[in-house]
Protein backbone atom coordinates (compact mmCIF):
# COMPACT_ATOMS: atom_id res chain seq x y z
CA MET A 1 -78.19 74.99 36.65
CA VAL A 2 -75.64 77.72 35.99
CA ALA A 3 -73.22 76.09 38.42
CA GLY A 4 -73.21 72.90 36.39
CA VAL A 5 -72.41 74.69 33.15
CA THR A 6 -69.76 76.79 34.88
CA MET A 7 -68.10 73.64 36.16
CA GLU A 8 -68.18 72.21 32.65
CA LYS A 9 -66.37 75.27 31.31
CA HIS A 10 -63.57 74.67 33.80
CA TYR A 11 -63.00 71.19 32.37
CA MET A 12 -62.77 72.70 28.89
CA ALA A 13 -59.66 74.66 29.87
CA ASN A 14 -57.27 72.11 28.35
CA TRP A 15 -57.57 69.25 25.88
CA SER A 16 -54.73 67.33 24.30
CA ASP A 17 -53.44 67.34 20.77
CA PRO A 18 -53.37 63.71 19.52
CA ARG A 19 -49.99 64.28 17.92
CA GLY A 20 -48.33 64.21 21.31
CA GLN A 21 -47.76 67.94 21.62
CA THR A 22 -48.93 70.18 24.40
CA THR A 23 -52.46 71.53 24.41
CA VAL A 24 -53.94 72.62 21.12
CA PHE A 25 -54.95 75.93 22.65
CA THR A 26 -51.41 77.20 23.04
CA GLY A 27 -52.33 80.83 23.26
CA THR A 28 -49.68 81.72 20.67
CA THR A 29 -50.90 84.25 18.16
CA VAL A 30 -50.37 82.64 14.75
CA PRO A 31 -50.04 84.93 11.75
CA VAL A 32 -52.42 84.07 8.93
CA ASP A 33 -51.29 84.68 5.34
CA SER A 34 -53.40 84.70 2.20
CA ALA A 35 -52.69 81.01 1.54
CA THR A 36 -54.39 79.93 4.75
CA ASP A 37 -57.00 82.68 4.97
CA ALA A 38 -59.69 80.85 2.97
CA GLY A 39 -59.15 77.66 4.96
CA LEU A 40 -59.32 79.57 8.22
CA ARG A 41 -62.60 81.23 7.25
CA SER A 42 -64.07 77.86 6.35
CA TYR A 43 -62.83 76.37 9.62
CA MET A 44 -64.25 79.18 11.75
CA LEU A 45 -67.55 79.06 9.86
CA LYS A 46 -67.88 75.38 10.73
CA VAL A 47 -67.17 76.16 14.39
CA TYR A 48 -69.82 78.89 14.47
CA ASN A 49 -72.34 76.75 12.60
CA TYR A 50 -71.94 73.90 15.07
CA MET A 51 -72.13 76.28 18.02
CA ALA A 52 -75.20 78.13 16.73
CA SER A 53 -76.98 74.90 15.80
CA ALA A 54 -76.32 73.49 19.27
CA VAL A 55 -77.71 76.63 20.92
CA LEU A 56 -80.80 76.40 18.70
CA LEU A 57 -81.25 72.70 19.52
CA THR A 58 -80.92 73.40 23.24
CA GLY A 59 -83.49 76.17 23.03
CA ILE A 60 -86.00 74.04 21.13
CA VAL A 61 -85.67 71.15 23.57
CA ALA A 62 -86.01 73.50 26.55
CA MET A 63 -89.15 75.10 25.11
CA LEU A 64 -90.78 71.77 24.27
CA PHE A 65 -89.95 70.29 27.66
CA SER A 66 -91.53 73.27 29.43
CA GLN A 67 -94.76 73.27 27.43
CA GLY A 68 -97.78 72.94 29.69
CA GLY A 69 -96.65 75.22 32.49
CA ALA A 70 -97.29 73.69 35.90
CA SER A 71 -98.11 70.32 34.35
CA SER A 72 -95.10 70.24 32.03
CA PRO A 73 -92.26 67.71 32.34
CA ALA A 74 -89.99 70.59 33.38
CA ALA A 75 -92.32 71.47 36.27
CA GLN A 76 -92.39 67.87 37.42
CA LEU A 77 -88.63 67.80 37.23
CA MET A 78 -88.21 70.83 39.50
CA GLY A 79 -87.68 69.79 43.09
CA SER A 80 -87.37 66.10 42.30
CA PRO A 81 -84.16 64.08 42.86
CA LEU A 82 -84.01 63.57 39.09
CA MET A 83 -83.34 67.29 38.76
CA TRP A 84 -79.78 66.80 40.01
CA VAL A 85 -79.23 63.98 37.55
CA VAL A 86 -80.35 66.12 34.62
CA ALA A 87 -78.41 69.15 35.89
CA LEU A 88 -75.14 67.27 36.32
CA ALA A 89 -75.45 64.93 33.32
CA PRO A 90 -73.93 67.48 30.90
CA LEU A 91 -70.75 67.43 32.97
CA GLY A 92 -70.31 63.78 32.06
CA PHE A 93 -70.41 64.64 28.35
CA ILE A 94 -67.83 67.38 28.88
CA LEU A 95 -65.51 64.97 30.70
CA VAL A 96 -65.81 62.40 27.92
CA LEU A 97 -65.07 64.96 25.21
CA SER A 98 -62.31 66.77 27.10
CA PHE A 99 -60.37 63.73 28.25
CA GLY A 100 -61.35 61.22 25.58
CA ILE A 101 -61.28 63.32 22.42
CA ASN A 102 -58.02 61.73 21.23
CA ARG A 103 -59.58 58.25 21.34
CA LEU A 104 -62.95 59.22 19.88
CA SER A 105 -63.71 59.21 16.19
CA THR A 106 -65.00 62.42 14.65
CA GLY A 107 -68.43 60.84 14.26
CA ALA A 108 -68.52 59.79 17.91
CA ALA A 109 -67.46 63.28 19.01
CA GLN A 110 -70.25 64.80 16.92
CA ALA A 111 -72.83 62.39 18.40
CA ILE A 112 -71.74 63.25 21.95
CA PHE A 113 -71.84 66.97 21.12
CA TRP A 114 -75.43 66.84 19.84
CA THR A 115 -76.55 64.63 22.73
CA PHE A 116 -74.97 67.12 25.10
CA ALA A 117 -76.97 69.96 23.49
CA VAL A 118 -80.20 67.98 23.98
CA VAL A 119 -79.44 67.21 27.63
CA MET A 120 -78.59 70.87 28.20
CA GLY A 121 -82.02 71.71 26.81
CA LEU A 122 -83.61 69.44 29.40
CA SER A 123 -81.59 70.98 32.22
CA MET A 124 -82.36 74.55 31.10
CA SER A 125 -86.08 73.98 30.53
CA THR A 126 -86.96 75.22 34.01
CA ILE A 127 -85.98 78.79 33.12
CA PHE A 128 -89.22 78.99 31.11
CA LEU A 129 -91.09 78.35 34.35
CA ARG A 130 -89.06 80.77 36.46
CA PHE A 131 -88.77 83.73 34.07
CA THR A 132 -91.16 85.48 31.72
CA GLY A 133 -90.88 84.80 28.00
CA ALA A 134 -90.13 88.47 27.35
CA SER A 135 -87.23 88.40 29.81
CA ILE A 136 -85.79 85.26 28.25
CA ALA A 137 -86.03 86.78 24.76
CA GLU A 138 -84.43 90.02 25.95
CA ALA A 139 -81.54 88.21 27.63
CA PHE A 140 -81.06 85.95 24.60
CA PHE A 141 -80.84 88.78 22.07
CA ALA A 142 -78.61 90.83 24.37
CA THR A 143 -76.31 87.84 24.78
CA THR A 144 -76.29 87.22 21.04
CA ALA A 145 -75.27 90.82 20.33
CA ALA A 146 -72.59 90.80 23.01
CA PHE A 147 -71.27 87.40 21.92
CA ALA A 148 -71.05 88.49 18.27
CA GLY A 149 -69.12 91.63 19.16
CA LEU A 150 -66.76 89.92 21.59
CA SER A 151 -66.08 87.01 19.27
CA LEU A 152 -65.40 89.40 16.40
CA PHE A 153 -62.96 91.25 18.63
CA GLY A 154 -61.21 88.01 19.56
CA TYR A 155 -60.94 87.05 15.90
CA THR A 156 -59.66 90.37 14.56
CA THR A 157 -57.54 91.80 17.38
CA LYS A 158 -53.77 91.81 16.96
CA ARG A 159 -53.34 91.70 20.71
CA ASN A 160 -52.32 88.35 22.19
CA LEU A 161 -55.05 87.42 24.67
CA SER A 162 -53.34 84.29 25.97
CA GLY A 163 -52.20 86.11 29.10
CA PHE A 164 -55.82 86.45 30.19
CA GLY A 165 -56.50 82.72 29.97
CA THR A 166 -55.29 81.69 33.42
CA PHE A 167 -56.95 84.70 35.04
CA LEU A 168 -60.29 83.95 33.37
CA ILE A 169 -60.23 80.24 34.26
CA MET A 170 -59.44 81.18 37.86
CA GLY A 171 -62.42 83.51 37.66
CA VAL A 172 -64.63 80.59 36.55
CA ILE A 173 -63.45 78.50 39.49
CA GLY A 174 -63.99 81.40 41.88
CA ILE A 175 -67.52 81.96 40.57
CA LEU A 176 -68.32 78.27 40.96
CA ILE A 177 -67.13 78.24 44.58
CA ALA A 178 -69.05 81.44 45.34
CA MET A 179 -72.22 80.03 43.79
CA LEU A 180 -72.02 76.85 45.85
CA LEU A 181 -71.41 78.83 49.04
CA ASN A 182 -74.29 81.16 48.30
CA ALA A 183 -76.62 78.27 47.46
CA PHE A 184 -75.94 76.22 50.58
CA VAL A 185 -74.59 78.69 53.17
CA PHE A 186 -75.30 82.41 52.65
CA GLN A 187 -78.41 82.29 50.44
CA SER A 188 -77.99 86.02 49.81
CA GLY A 189 -79.78 87.77 46.96
CA ALA A 190 -77.20 90.56 46.95
CA MET A 191 -74.35 88.08 46.72
CA GLY A 192 -76.18 86.28 43.93
CA LEU A 193 -76.42 89.54 41.98
CA VAL A 194 -72.71 90.22 42.40
CA ILE A 195 -71.88 86.68 41.26
CA SER A 196 -74.08 87.11 38.18
CA ILE A 197 -72.42 90.40 37.25
CA LEU A 198 -68.96 88.87 37.63
CA GLY A 199 -70.13 85.84 35.66
CA VAL A 200 -71.18 87.99 32.71
CA LEU A 201 -67.81 89.77 32.75
CA VAL A 202 -65.76 86.57 33.01
CA PHE A 203 -67.59 84.78 30.21
CA ALA A 204 -67.51 87.90 28.07
CA GLY A 205 -63.73 87.80 28.39
CA LEU A 206 -63.68 84.06 27.69
CA THR A 207 -65.66 84.58 24.50
CA ALA A 208 -62.94 86.81 23.05
CA TYR A 209 -60.16 84.63 24.46
CA ASP A 210 -61.61 81.34 23.21
CA THR A 211 -62.25 82.78 19.75
CA GLN A 212 -58.61 83.76 19.40
CA MET A 213 -57.46 80.37 20.70
CA ILE A 214 -59.73 78.56 18.23
CA LYS A 215 -58.38 80.73 15.42
CA ASN A 216 -54.81 79.93 16.41
CA THR A 217 -55.64 76.22 16.59
CA TYR A 218 -56.36 76.11 12.87
CA CYS A 219 -52.71 76.39 11.88
CA GLN A 220 -51.94 73.34 14.05
CA VAL A 221 -54.74 71.05 12.90
CA ALA A 222 -55.20 72.11 9.26
CA GLY A 223 -54.84 69.11 6.99
CA THR A 224 -54.84 66.57 9.83
CA GLU A 225 -57.48 64.01 10.75
CA PHE A 226 -57.94 65.86 14.05
CA MET A 227 -59.40 68.91 12.33
CA GLY A 228 -62.99 67.67 12.53
CA LYS A 229 -62.65 67.04 16.25
CA ALA A 230 -61.03 70.44 16.75
CA VAL A 231 -64.14 72.02 15.20
CA ILE A 232 -66.33 70.19 17.73
CA MET A 233 -64.19 71.23 20.68
CA GLY A 234 -64.07 74.82 19.51
CA ALA A 235 -67.85 74.91 19.06
CA LEU A 236 -68.34 73.38 22.49
CA SER A 237 -66.11 75.98 24.10
CA LEU A 238 -68.01 78.88 22.49
CA TYR A 239 -71.33 77.21 23.28
CA LEU A 240 -70.45 77.15 26.97
CA ASP A 241 -69.39 80.80 26.85
CA PHE A 242 -72.71 81.75 25.29
CA VAL A 243 -74.91 79.68 27.59
CA ASN A 244 -73.15 80.84 30.74
CA MET A 245 -73.29 84.49 29.71
CA PHE A 246 -76.98 84.10 28.83
CA GLN A 247 -77.91 82.51 32.15
CA PHE A 248 -75.97 85.02 34.24
CA LEU A 249 -77.47 87.92 32.28
CA LEU A 250 -80.95 86.47 32.63
CA SER A 251 -80.53 86.25 36.39
CA ILE A 252 -79.71 89.97 36.41
CA ILE A 253 -82.34 91.43 34.09
CA GLY A 254 -84.96 88.68 34.07
CA ASN A 255 -88.46 89.17 35.47
CA ARG A 256 -89.63 86.14 37.39
CA GLU A 257 -93.00 84.48 36.82
């Protein structure tokens, strides 16, 4: 399940500005004056609201789908061929948004985003069968605290974090490859622990990096019809950072049922 979300984050690395420029996430630190400060706050608030609402929706769907324990839909899904369909389905939504965002209307992008959050809830429902509720709650609140601090750092720091972007995306790819090798070749618990630790660190870095990139995007999309879609893409990017960090952290500290 984590591998699928990690792969999705890789596809979020670049998405095109509809005005024919290079990627919206240029990595250039854009100074914000008082004239744009209110607009920027409103823009970032929308991004965070979409992201938080999507996380909440995913959690609710996952909990409902796992109700009933061994007889729940999530339990029936585990081990069945349909599991792979549900696990990989979110990747399709990411591909559509990442490569088709310029052709989609804002309403269509929003619909795909919310559908993606629901499907992610289905794919993550099995964690309620594999880990104790206390462990899930602990990992969730720890992730929330870490995410808030890292995102605040990315928003307020004067340091240009764009230089870390390539390194972090390479880290995502490396983690994905290592996870696939460990799942089908090595099947090592120790290697799985190392991968999880590295995963937490990489997505912690991406949280700060993506926040700064989303902030810098505002000056490029403010006042354009693309602004609504930029909010969706920014929320999706932070959502993936949060979910990945949560799942990797849960695999480290979680107590299994």
